Every structure is written in C-alpha cells, then in structure tokens.
Amino acid sequence: MQLITKHLHSKQNPIARLGSHTVWLNALLLLSAALLCGCSSGPSQDSSEVALEKLDVNELKMTMLADISSTVVSDGELANNIKTDIARLAITPLRRSPEVQIAGSDEITRPVAVSFQKAFEQSLMNMMDEAQLSQAAAIIHTRKPTTPLCNPAGKVLRQTMSVSMQGNPHRTKTIEDRTVTLRRMAQNGPPMDLYVAYVKGGLDKRSPEEQLIYKHEVNSSANTSLHNEEMACSEMPDAIVGASYVLTTKLGHTLYFANNGTQAADATGSTLWRYWFGSLKDAPVDKRYKEVFKYLKECGLDIPDIPL
C-alpha cells in the first residue's frame, strides 16, 4: 500500500486539541489585541480575522481527529491491522496536511478508507450532539444513490457489491456500518442536512430490491434531514465521485471534509482514495470544494447556505 501525502500549503497551528475553552480564550485575545491597536478596520483587522478563523477551524479539525481516533480504537469488530492503518495512513497525515492519498489494492485499502469515513460521520454526529457545530451539510455525490441507504440497516445485499468484495468480511463491514451511521444522519433533523445526489437515471441502475429500500428511506417521515437529489447530468467524472461535508463552527467559519473513491459495486483491482480536511483558506481544500460544487451546481443541485 502506498501513501502519498500532499504538500502542506498553509502552516498548521501547533495547538492541536486543548479543549473548546482554548478557542474562545484565544479568540478573545486576538480580538482584544486588534482593538487595543486601534485596528477597527483595514489590513490589521483582516489579519486578525484570518488568524481567528484558522484557529477556530483548526481546533475543530483536531478535536474531530481525536474523536475519530477514539471511535476507531473502541470498535471491537474492526481488525487491529485496519485500526493501525487508519491511524498511520489517514489520521496522522491529516494532522499535518489538509490533503492525503491512499493507493493500493481495493481489498486492502477499502476497509481502511471507508472505515475512516464512517468514523468521521460518527464524529460529525457527536459534534452535533455536543452542540459544537451551528450547521452541517453532508452531500454524497455518486453515480447511483449511496450504497448504505440501498441496503437494510446493519445488513448488506449480495448484489450491492462487486464480485471481488463478496465473501470478504472486512470489505462487507464497510457497508454494514455505514447503513447505520447514514440513517442516524438522515434522522437527525435540523441543523443537519444529508443530500443524496446522483446522476440522471442512477436509481434505475440499482437492483429492484435496492430501489425499494432506498425509496422507503426517502419516503420515511423519520428521515427529516434526508434530501433525495436526482441531478440533470447523466455522467459523473471519476474525480467527483465521493462525499463532501460542510461544517459550520459556532463562530460561523467553514470546515470542509471530502473524499474521492469508488462505490462498492465498482470496486475492483487497485483504488486511489483521496481526502481533504481543513479550512477553505487551505489551497487544496478550497480547490476541491470549488471543483465539487461547480459540478453539482451545473447539474442543477443548488444547496442553500453553501457559498461558492
């Protein structure tokens, strides 16, 4: 397995995870310094605001990475070697960089990549429960409706996987786990929104049983956060397939997490997984953000409160 860590375009703040009180204390210090300097407007104020935003967003990022690590370690059904690889290939690199890549055999990389995504989604819900976020939007942008919501909760249909995945418990678990986490997100209610975006006719490419399960979720009154979004485009580039999570801090700043990979039905051979996690002030994060939402908007999906 090969890890490619992208160049860090913006220097990370050395403060990793000192608790939410640290954020507010530093925020007050930054604002006080600006006022004492008479910096009510102009470049100095802008600099203070940028520093505050970076501090605020980085604190949330580090808090979530610590929470993700705890979730992975406490998963009794996850193999120890997969736990180690998640820490080594995803969590640790993302502490230092806003962008990482994991490449290798799908059999090896999928359990690592998707288990990490599931742990992120669990952490997102934890942040919502603890009122650490003012708003969150999760957008699953794939060619067909997202695999977990086309399977029963806690189970996986044989036809939902590629032939190479069938019979592999580690890869099967990646679907089973997310059937639960995505339903939890769908039922959360405001200020959480879950958008399932897929290409025109994408649902028809699912099996009749998968279609029935997905339609049941869409029509369920319990899924107050779920938005079914069949787009106008009939094609989706490989580089777009994945998910985007736009998180708004309590101070109104944006933390963006995104991934790019392959749906389970298409999982064969080698797979390249890409992750972005950071502020829109980080060049690679901003580039991915604009790339994804430009495509979604061109395909007719206009999500409220998502700035471009």
Foldseek 3Di string as FASTA:
>chain_A
DDKDQDDAPDFADPDQEPDPVVLVVVLVVLVVVCVVVVNPDDDSVVVSVVVSLRSQFRNVQSVLLVQLLVVLVPPPVADPVLSVCLVVRPSVSVNGHQKMKDKDACLPCQLNVLSSVLSSLVSVVVCVVVVQFQAKEKEQEAAAFAQLQLAAAQAHDPQQAAPVCPPRVSNRVSSNSVVVSVQCQQQVAPSGAYEGEHEACRHVPDDPSSSVSNVCSVPDPSRNRYDYHHFQHNDDDQQQRWMKMWTAGPVGFTWIKIKGWDRRHPRGTMIMMMIGTTGCVGPVRVVSLCVNVVVCVVRPDDDPPRDD
